Amino acid sequence: MSALIENTEPHNGESGMDGTRDPYAGRRATEASEPPRTGGGGAPGGRAWAALALDVVVPLGVFYGSRAAGAGQWLSLVLAGIAPLASLVLTWARQRRADPTALFVLAAMVLSVLVAMVTGDPRMLLARESWITAALGLWILGSLALARPFLLDVALKVTPPGTARRLESLWHRSPVVHRWMTVASMAWGSAFLLDAIARVVMAYTLPVDSVPSLGVVVLVAMLCLAQALVTVYGRRSGALAQVRAHG
């Protein structure tokens, strides 16, 4: 969602859509005179692409590389499942704290490896991918019952500081933006749940070597569809116009 709402900070002294003076205008002017703060990790979009490479591209490379080197399906899947640990280590090294989502993924990886060692079934390893996407989908949908949806916190983390503050403010005072974030949570949560179902079906019906790459294709397709729905709703409802407005 960050690509939809970047570069939306009002200028110094500008008023918001409701005519009230922006309480962050002074701080925003100070930030504008300073170099961008990236925390050593680059722009938010750059960090997102780096995470995608570590979590998706690297495991695929490990799996198909291991298969090309003569490793069996079971061992190749185990190695590919361990590969995302690099992303967790880099996150911990950069932030010096344990992220709840990262801990969940780590626990799922450990559990899947233990199950694989007991069963020795490569299809079980393929199906374990559905545990993560299903849990993430349920987490996103379940967070709608809380004061703040999980997807809102994600959006605030991946957008520029000024835009994040504006989105935070609109979440509390704009029913249109509030409904938009609710729709976005439902769309993304449903996409992850559908992906989980598809992964289980593919794991037990398709050739093992084809499932890892097809799983990525299905996930990307689901998320693109969800994002398209979120974008269309955001434009038609006026939520995007509010978030992007400069005054």
C-alpha atoms as a PDB file:
ATOM      1  CA  MET A   1       0.000   0.000   0.000  1.00  0.00           C
ATOM      2  CA  SER A   2       2.963   2.345   0.505  1.00  0.00           C
ATOM      3  CA  ALA A   3       3.212   3.113  -3.227  1.00  0.00           C
ATOM      4  CA  LEU A   4      -0.312   4.543  -3.115  1.00  0.00           C
ATOM      5  CA  ILE A   5       0.249   7.005  -0.289  1.00  0.00           C
ATOM      6  CA  GLU A   6       3.859   8.160  -0.566  1.00  0.00           C
ATOM      7  CA  ASN A   7       4.814  11.826  -0.947  1.00  0.00           C
ATOM      8  CA  THR A   8       1.644  13.181   0.581  1.00  0.00           C
ATOM      9  CA  GLU A   9       2.988  15.486   3.298  1.00  0.00           C
ATOM     10  CA  PRO A  10       1.491  18.988   3.375  1.00  0.00           C
ATOM     11  CA  HIS A  11       3.872  21.941   3.195  1.00  0.00           C
ATOM     12  CA  ASN A  12       4.739  24.011   6.263  1.00  0.00           C
ATOM     13  CA  GLY A  13       1.693  25.767   7.641  1.00  0.00           C
ATOM     14  CA  GLU A  14      -0.768  24.085   5.316  1.00  0.00           C
ATOM     15  CA  SER A  15      -4.196  23.143   6.570  1.00  0.00           C
ATOM     16  CA  GLY A  16      -5.701  19.688   6.446  1.00  0.00           C
ATOM     17  CA  MET A  17      -8.775  18.708   4.496  1.00  0.00           C
ATOM     18  CA  ASP A  18     -11.034  19.592   7.378  1.00  0.00           C
ATOM     19  CA  GLY A  19      -9.683  23.160   7.486  1.00  0.00           C
ATOM     20  CA  THR A  20      -7.707  22.664  10.717  1.00  0.00           C
ATOM     21  CA  ARG A  21      -4.089  23.669  10.848  1.00  0.00           C
ATOM     22  CA  ASP A  22      -1.694  20.737  10.479  1.00  0.00           C
ATOM     23  CA  PRO A  23      -0.230  20.161  13.991  1.00  0.00           C
ATOM     24  CA  TYR A  24       2.875  18.620  12.445  1.00  0.00           C
ATOM     25  CA  ALA A  25       3.608  21.477  10.036  1.00  0.00           C
ATOM     26  CA  GLY A  26       6.485  22.900  12.040  1.00  0.00           C
ATOM     27  CA  ARG A  27       8.107  19.536  12.593  1.00  0.00           C
ATOM     28  CA  ARG A  28       7.610  18.678   8.938  1.00  0.00           C
ATOM     29  CA  ALA A  29       9.416  21.859   7.890  1.00  0.00           C
ATOM     30  CA  THR A  30      12.344  20.893  10.087  1.00  0.00           C
ATOM     31  CA  GLU A  31      12.436  17.410   8.584  1.00  0.00           C
ATOM     32  CA  ALA A  32      12.350  18.839   5.073  1.00  0.00           C
ATOM     33  CA  SER A  33      15.585  20.711   5.716  1.00  0.00           C
ATOM     34  CA  GLU A  34      17.354  17.573   6.911  1.00  0.00           C
ATOM     35  CA  PRO A  35      18.732  14.708   4.819  1.00  0.00           C
ATOM     36  CA  PRO A  36      16.371  11.753   4.515  1.00  0.00           C
ATOM     37  CA  ARG A  37      16.748   9.379   7.437  1.00  0.00           C
ATOM     38  CA  THR A  38      17.010   5.839   6.316  1.00  0.00           C
ATOM     39  CA  GLY A  39      18.443   4.183   9.395  1.00  0.00           C
ATOM     40  CA  GLY A  40      21.093   2.584   7.263  1.00  0.00           C
ATOM     41  CA  GLY A  41      18.557   0.540   5.407  1.00  0.00           C
ATOM     42  CA  GLY A  42      17.689   2.772   2.467  1.00  0.00           C
ATOM     43  CA  ALA A  43      14.245   3.973   1.474  1.00  0.00           C
ATOM     44  CA  PRO A  44      11.178   2.067   2.725  1.00  0.00           C
ATOM     45  CA  GLY A  45      10.551   0.737  -0.776  1.00  0.00           C
ATOM     46  CA  GLY A  46      14.153  -0.433  -1.037  1.00  0.00           C
ATOM     47  CA  ARG A  47      13.909  -2.307   2.239  1.00  0.00           C
ATOM     48  CA  ALA A  48      10.668  -3.924   1.090  1.00  0.00           C
ATOM     49  CA  TRP A  49      12.279  -5.169  -2.120  1.00  0.00           C
ATOM     50  CA  ALA A  50      15.304  -6.435  -0.174  1.00  0.00           C
ATOM     51  CA  ALA A  51      12.997  -8.352   2.162  1.00  0.00           C
ATOM     52  CA  LEU A  52      11.130  -9.782  -0.825  1.00  0.00           C
ATOM     53  CA  ALA A  53      14.393 -10.986  -2.329  1.00  0.00           C
ATOM     54  CA  LEU A  54      15.452 -12.675   0.892  1.00  0.00           C
ATOM     55  CA  ASP A  55      12.078 -14.247   1.637  1.00  0.00           C
ATOM     56  CA  VAL A  56      11.078 -15.332  -1.893  1.00  0.00           C
ATOM     57  CA  VAL A  57      13.911 -15.238  -4.405  1.00  0.00           C
ATOM     58  CA  VAL A  58      16.612 -16.707  -2.160  1.00  0.00           C
ATOM     59  CA  PRO A  59      14.565 -19.775  -1.073  1.00  0.00           C
ATOM     60  CA  LEU A  60      13.659 -20.485  -4.702  1.00  0.00           C
ATOM     61  CA  GLY A  61      17.300 -20.191  -5.709  1.00  0.00           C
ATOM     62  CA  VAL A  62      18.362 -22.493  -2.887  1.00  0.00           C
ATOM     63  CA  PHE A  63      15.754 -25.112  -3.796  1.00  0.00           C
ATOM     64  CA  TYR A  64      16.394 -25.243  -7.524  1.00  0.00           C
ATOM     65  CA  GLY A  65      20.129 -24.827  -7.026  1.00  0.00           C
ATOM     66  CA  SER A  66      20.172 -27.797  -4.657  1.00  0.00           C
ATOM     67  CA  ARG A  67      18.126 -29.870  -7.070  1.00  0.00           C
ATOM     68  CA  ALA A  68      20.513 -28.996  -9.914  1.00  0.00           C
ATOM     69  CA  ALA A  69      23.418 -30.064  -7.703  1.00  0.00           C
ATOM     70  CA  GLY A  70      21.828 -33.475  -7.245  1.00  0.00           C
ATOM     71  CA  ALA A  71      20.186 -33.061  -3.828  1.00  0.00           C
ATOM     72  CA  GLY A  72      16.916 -34.862  -3.176  1.00  0.00           C
ATOM     73  CA  GLN A  73      13.553 -33.139  -2.971  1.00  0.00           C
ATOM     74  CA  TRP A  74      13.321 -33.442   0.815  1.00  0.00           C
ATOM     75  CA  LEU A  75      16.775 -31.983   1.526  1.00  0.00           C
ATOM     76  CA  SER A  76      16.315 -29.215  -1.055  1.00  0.00           C
ATOM     77  CA  LEU A  77      13.028 -28.169   0.548  1.00  0.00           C
ATOM     78  CA  VAL A  78      14.576 -28.184   4.036  1.00  0.00           C
ATOM     79  CA  LEU A  79      17.450 -25.975   2.858  1.00  0.00           C
ATOM     80  CA  ALA A  80      15.045 -23.631   1.077  1.00  0.00           C
ATOM     81  CA  GLY A  81      12.912 -23.411   4.215  1.00  0.00           C
ATOM     82  CA  ILE A  82      15.915 -22.426   6.306  1.00  0.00           C
ATOM     83  CA  ALA A  83      17.093 -19.762   3.828  1.00  0.00           C
ATOM     84  CA  PRO A  84      14.746 -16.994   5.132  1.00  0.00           C
ATOM     85  CA  LEU A  85      16.660 -17.107   8.413  1.00  0.00           C
ATOM     86  CA  ALA A  86      19.049 -14.676   6.726  1.00  0.00           C
ATOM     87  CA  SER A  87      16.251 -12.103   6.610  1.00  0.00           C
ATOM     88  CA  LEU A  88      15.480 -12.592  10.309  1.00  0.00           C
ATOM     89  CA  VAL A  89      19.148 -12.213  11.245  1.00  0.00           C
ATOM     90  CA  LEU A  90      19.494  -9.014   9.209  1.00  0.00           C
ATOM     91  CA  THR A  91      16.328  -7.588  10.775  1.00  0.00           C
ATOM     92  CA  TRP A  92      17.595  -8.327  14.262  1.00  0.00           C
ATOM     93  CA  ALA A  93      21.040  -6.883  13.483  1.00  0.00           C
ATOM     94  CA  ARG A  94      19.470  -3.663  12.165  1.00  0.00           C
ATOM     95  CA  GLN A  95      16.787  -3.140  14.806  1.00  0.00           C
ATOM     96  CA  ARG A  96      18.381  -4.918  17.782  1.00  0.00           C
ATOM     97  CA  ARG A  97      15.002  -6.223  18.866  1.00  0.00           C
ATOM     98  CA  ALA A  98      12.829  -9.248  18.208  1.00  0.00           C
ATOM     99  CA  ASP A  99       9.965  -8.584  15.808  1.00  0.00           C
ATOM    100  CA  PRO A 100       6.809 -10.608  16.693  1.00  0.00           C
ATOM    101  CA  THR A 101       6.183 -11.459  13.047  1.00  0.00           C
ATOM    102  CA  ALA A 102       9.766 -12.623  12.597  1.00  0.00           C
ATOM    103  CA  LEU A 103       9.530 -14.784  15.712  1.00  0.00           C
ATOM    104  CA  PHE A 104       6.352 -16.367  14.380  1.00  0.00           C
ATOM    105  CA  VAL A 105       8.002 -17.154  11.035  1.00  0.00           C
ATOM    106  CA  LEU A 106      11.024 -18.603  12.851  1.00  0.00           C
ATOM    107  CA  ALA A 107       8.777 -20.811  15.002  1.00  0.00           C
ATOM    108  CA  ALA A 108       6.921 -22.014  11.906  1.00  0.00           C
ATOM    109  CA  MET A 109      10.220 -22.856  10.204  1.00  0.00           C
ATOM    110  CA  VAL A 110      11.495 -24.823  13.178  1.00  0.00           C
ATOM    111  CA  LEU A 111       8.220 -26.715  13.502  1.00  0.00           C
ATOM    112  CA  SER A 112       8.162 -27.557   9.795  1.00  0.00           C
ATOM    113  CA  VAL A 113      11.716 -28.878   9.880  1.00  0.00           C
ATOM    114  CA  LEU A 114      10.878 -31.045  12.899  1.00  0.00           C
ATOM    115  CA  VAL A 115       7.796 -32.408  11.139  1.00  0.00           C
ATOM    116  CA  ALA A 116       9.863 -33.085   8.023  1.00  0.00           C
ATOM    117  CA  MET A 117      12.443 -35.001  10.022  1.00  0.00           C
ATOM    118  CA  VAL A 118       9.734 -37.188  11.505  1.00  0.00           C
ATOM    119  CA  THR A 119       7.747 -37.828   8.336  1.00  0.00           C
ATOM    120  CA  GLY A 120      10.436 -37.530   5.667  1.00  0.00           C
ATOM    121  CA  ASP A 121       7.650 -36.412   3.317  1.00  0.00           C
ATOM    122  CA  PRO A 122       8.557 -33.589   0.880  1.00  0.00           C
ATOM    123  CA  ARG A 123       4.878 -32.856   0.268  1.00  0.00           C
ATOM    124  CA  MET A 124       4.446 -32.154   3.962  1.00  0.00           C
ATOM    125  CA  LEU A 125       7.247 -29.603   3.656  1.00  0.00           C
ATOM    126  CA  LEU A 126       5.492 -27.987   0.714  1.00  0.00           C
ATOM    127  CA  ALA A 127       2.210 -27.838   2.604  1.00  0.00           C
ATOM    128  CA  ARG A 128       3.842 -26.165   5.604  1.00  0.00           C
ATOM    129  CA  GLU A 129       4.075 -22.941   3.568  1.00  0.00           C
ATOM    130  CA  SER A 130       0.313 -22.722   3.968  1.00  0.00           C
ATOM    131  CA  TRP A 131       0.698 -22.520   7.757  1.00  0.00           C
ATOM    132  CA  ILE A 132       2.423 -19.167   7.490  1.00  0.00           C
ATOM    133  CA  THR A 133       0.117 -17.580   4.917  1.00  0.00           C
ATOM    134  CA  ALA A 134      -3.009 -18.909   6.645  1.00  0.00           C
ATOM    135  CA  ALA A 135      -1.875 -17.593  10.022  1.00  0.00           C
ATOM    136  CA  LEU A 136      -0.997 -14.229   8.482  1.00  0.00           C
ATOM    137  CA  GLY A 137      -4.393 -14.026   6.792  1.00  0.00           C
ATOM    138  CA  LEU A 138      -6.198 -14.847  10.033  1.00  0.00           C
ATOM    139  CA  TRP A 139      -4.014 -12.359  11.889  1.00  0.00           C
ATOM    140  CA  ILE A 140      -4.892  -9.552   9.463  1.00  0.00           C
ATOM    141  CA  LEU A 141      -8.610 -10.347   9.556  1.00  0.00           C
ATOM    142  CA  GLY A 142      -8.679 -10.924  13.309  1.00  0.00           C
ATOM    143  CA  SER A 143      -6.984  -7.589  13.980  1.00  0.00           C
ATOM    144  CA  LEU A 144     -10.106  -5.846  12.644  1.00  0.00           C
ATOM    145  CA  ALA A 145     -11.716  -6.655  15.996  1.00  0.00           C
ATOM    146  CA  LEU A 146      -8.971  -4.682  17.765  1.00  0.00           C
ATOM    147  CA  ALA A 147      -8.568  -0.928  18.108  1.00  0.00           C
ATOM    148  CA  ARG A 148      -6.004  -0.863  15.298  1.00  0.00           C
ATOM    149  CA  PRO A 149      -5.828  -3.286  12.366  1.00  0.00           C
ATOM    150  CA  PHE A 150      -2.500  -4.967  11.735  1.00  0.00           C
ATOM    151  CA  LEU A 151      -2.392  -3.629   8.170  1.00  0.00           C
ATOM    152  CA  LEU A 152      -2.521  -0.044   9.438  1.00  0.00           C
ATOM    153  CA  ASP A 153       0.617  -0.601  11.494  1.00  0.00           C
ATOM    154  CA  VAL A 154       2.316  -2.126   8.453  1.00  0.00           C
ATOM    155  CA  ALA A 155       1.354   0.875   6.300  1.00  0.00           C
ATOM    156  CA  LEU A 156       2.680   3.283   8.931  1.00  0.00           C
ATOM    157  CA  LYS A 157       6.026   1.477   9.020  1.00  0.00           C
ATOM    158  CA  VAL A 158       6.637   1.425   5.259  1.00  0.00           C
ATOM    159  CA  THR A 159       5.576   4.998   4.428  1.00  0.00           C
ATOM    160  CA  PRO A 160       7.616   8.195   4.945  1.00  0.00           C
ATOM    161  CA  PRO A 161       7.344   9.663   8.485  1.00  0.00           C
ATOM    162  CA  GLY A 162       5.227  12.654   7.479  1.00  0.00           C
ATOM    163  CA  THR A 163       2.807  10.559   5.455  1.00  0.00           C
ATOM    164  CA  ALA A 164       2.597   8.027   8.256  1.00  0.00           C
ATOM    165  CA  ARG A 165       1.543  10.728  10.720  1.00  0.00           C
ATOM    166  CA  ARG A 166      -1.096  11.989   8.287  1.00  0.00           C
ATOM    167  CA  LEU A 167      -2.471   8.495   7.743  1.00  0.00           C
ATOM    168  CA  GLU A 168      -2.528   7.958  11.508  1.00  0.00           C
ATOM    169  CA  SER A 169      -4.508  11.171  11.950  1.00  0.00           C
ATOM    170  CA  LEU A 170      -6.949  10.313   9.167  1.00  0.00           C
ATOM    171  CA  TRP A 171      -7.496   6.852  10.621  1.00  0.00           C
ATOM    172  CA  HIS A 172      -8.875   8.472  13.773  1.00  0.00           C
ATOM    173  CA  ARG A 173     -10.885  11.322  12.235  1.00  0.00           C
ATOM    174  CA  SER A 174     -11.947  10.228   8.746  1.00  0.00           C
ATOM    175  CA  PRO A 175     -14.669   7.563   8.403  1.00  0.00           C
ATOM    176  CA  VAL A 176     -13.767   7.199   4.717  1.00  0.00           C
ATOM    177  CA  VAL A 177     -10.130   6.315   5.434  1.00  0.00           C
ATOM    178  CA  HIS A 178     -11.244   4.125   8.339  1.00  0.00           C
ATOM    179  CA  ARG A 179     -13.484   2.099   6.004  1.00  0.00           C
ATOM    180  CA  TRP A 180     -10.731   1.968   3.369  1.00  0.00           C
ATOM    181  CA  MET A 181      -8.283   0.398   5.819  1.00  0.00           C
ATOM    182  CA  THR A 182     -10.986  -2.080   6.838  1.00  0.00           C
ATOM    183  CA  VAL A 183     -11.582  -3.060   3.198  1.00  0.00           C
ATOM    184  CA  ALA A 184      -7.821  -3.321   2.646  1.00  0.00           C
ATOM    185  CA  SER A 185      -7.480  -5.638   5.640  1.00  0.00           C
ATOM    186  CA  MET A 186     -10.311  -7.843   4.389  1.00  0.00           C
ATOM    187  CA  ALA A 187      -8.804  -7.978   0.883  1.00  0.00           C
ATOM    188  CA  TRP A 188      -5.257  -8.810   1.993  1.00  0.00           C
ATOM    189  CA  GLY A 189      -6.374 -11.228   4.709  1.00  0.00           C
ATOM    190  CA  SER A 190      -8.583 -13.100   2.241  1.00  0.00           C
ATOM    191  CA  ALA A 191      -5.747 -13.191  -0.307  1.00  0.00           C
ATOM    192  CA  PHE A 192      -3.429 -14.895   2.172  1.00  0.00           C
ATOM    193  CA  LEU A 193      -6.115 -17.404   3.165  1.00  0.00           C
ATOM    194  CA  LEU A 194      -6.838 -18.283  -0.472  1.00  0.00           C
ATOM    195  CA  ASP A 195      -3.108 -18.658  -1.049  1.00  0.00           C
ATOM    196  CA  ALA A 196      -2.906 -21.078   1.885  1.00  0.00           C
ATOM    197  CA  ILE A 197      -5.679 -23.232   0.424  1.00  0.00           C
ATOM    198  CA  ALA A 198      -4.042 -23.203  -3.011  1.00  0.00           C
ATOM    199  CA  ARG A 199      -0.683 -24.238  -1.524  1.00  0.00           C
ATOM    200  CA  VAL A 200      -2.178 -27.295   0.174  1.00  0.00           C
ATOM    201  CA  VAL A 201      -3.943 -28.354  -3.021  1.00  0.00           C
ATOM    202  CA  MET A 202      -0.783 -27.904  -5.094  1.00  0.00           C
ATOM    203  CA  ALA A 203       1.404 -29.654  -2.531  1.00  0.00           C
ATOM    204  CA  TYR A 204      -0.579 -32.901  -2.785  1.00  0.00           C
ATOM    205  CA  THR A 205      -1.615 -32.863  -6.439  1.00  0.00           C
ATOM    206  CA  LEU A 206       1.258 -31.400  -8.517  1.00  0.00           C
ATOM    207  CA  PRO A 207       4.834 -32.577  -9.140  1.00  0.00           C
ATOM    208  CA  VAL A 208       7.009 -31.600  -6.183  1.00  0.00           C
ATOM    209  CA  ASP A 209       9.592 -29.734  -8.246  1.00  0.00           C
ATOM    210  CA  SER A 210       6.992 -27.435  -9.787  1.00  0.00           C
ATOM    211  CA  VAL A 211       5.228 -26.388  -6.579  1.00  0.00           C
ATOM    212  CA  PRO A 212       7.768 -23.877  -5.131  1.00  0.00           C
ATOM    213  CA  SER A 213       7.744 -21.662  -8.221  1.00  0.00           C
ATOM    214  CA  LEU A 214       3.991 -22.034  -8.737  1.00  0.00           C
ATOM    215  CA  GLY A 215       3.444 -21.122  -5.107  1.00  0.00           C
ATOM    216  CA  VAL A 216       5.198 -17.806  -5.670  1.00  0.00           C
ATOM    217  CA  VAL A 217       3.123 -17.153  -8.800  1.00  0.00           C
ATOM    218  CA  VAL A 218      -0.123 -17.832  -6.928  1.00  0.00           C
ATOM    219  CA  LEU A 219       0.861 -15.610  -3.987  1.00  0.00           C
ATOM    220  CA  VAL A 220       1.866 -12.724  -6.255  1.00  0.00           C
ATOM    221  CA  ALA A 221      -1.360 -13.080  -8.234  1.00  0.00           C
ATOM    222  CA  MET A 222      -3.475 -13.066  -5.074  1.00  0.00           C
ATOM    223  CA  LEU A 223      -1.719 -10.023  -3.643  1.00  0.00           C
ATOM    224  CA  CYS A 224      -1.914  -8.131  -6.948  1.00  0.00           C
ATOM    225  CA  LEU A 225      -5.645  -8.833  -7.096  1.00  0.00           C
ATOM    226  CA  ALA A 226      -6.067  -7.687  -3.500  1.00  0.00           C
ATOM    227  CA  GLN A 227      -4.068  -4.521  -4.127  1.00  0.00           C
ATOM    228  CA  ALA A 228      -6.079  -3.762  -7.265  1.00  0.00           C
ATOM    229  CA  LEU A 229      -9.280  -4.012  -5.226  1.00  0.00           C
ATOM    230  CA  VAL A 230      -7.832  -1.771  -2.515  1.00  0.00           C
ATOM    231  CA  THR A 231      -6.711   0.799  -5.093  1.00  0.00           C
ATOM    232  CA  VAL A 232     -10.068   0.909  -6.894  1.00  0.00           C
ATOM    233  CA  TYR A 233     -11.977   1.234  -3.629  1.00  0.00           C
ATOM    234  CA  GLY A 234      -9.584   3.889  -2.355  1.00  0.00           C
ATOM    235  CA  ARG A 235     -10.082   5.997  -5.474  1.00  0.00           C
ATOM    236  CA  ARG A 236     -13.851   5.613  -5.683  1.00  0.00           C
ATOM    237  CA  SER A 237     -14.417   6.234  -2.000  1.00  0.00           C
ATOM    238  CA  GLY A 238     -12.158   9.275  -1.918  1.00  0.00           C
ATOM    239  CA  ALA A 239      -9.845   7.798   0.706  1.00  0.00           C
ATOM    240  CA  LEU A 240      -6.765   8.083  -1.503  1.00  0.00           C
ATOM    241  CA  ALA A 241      -7.661  11.683  -2.315  1.00  0.00           C
ATOM    242  CA  GLN A 242      -7.747  12.457   1.401  1.00  0.00           C
ATOM    243  CA  VAL A 243      -4.424  10.811   2.103  1.00  0.00           C
ATOM    244  CA  ARG A 244      -2.764  12.461  -0.895  1.00  0.00           C
ATOM    245  CA  ALA A 245      -4.315  15.915  -0.314  1.00  0.00           C
ATOM    246  CA  HIS A 246      -1.883  18.744   0.440  1.00  0.00           C
ATOM    247  CA  GLY A 247      -4.428  21.025   1.868  1.00  0.00           C
END
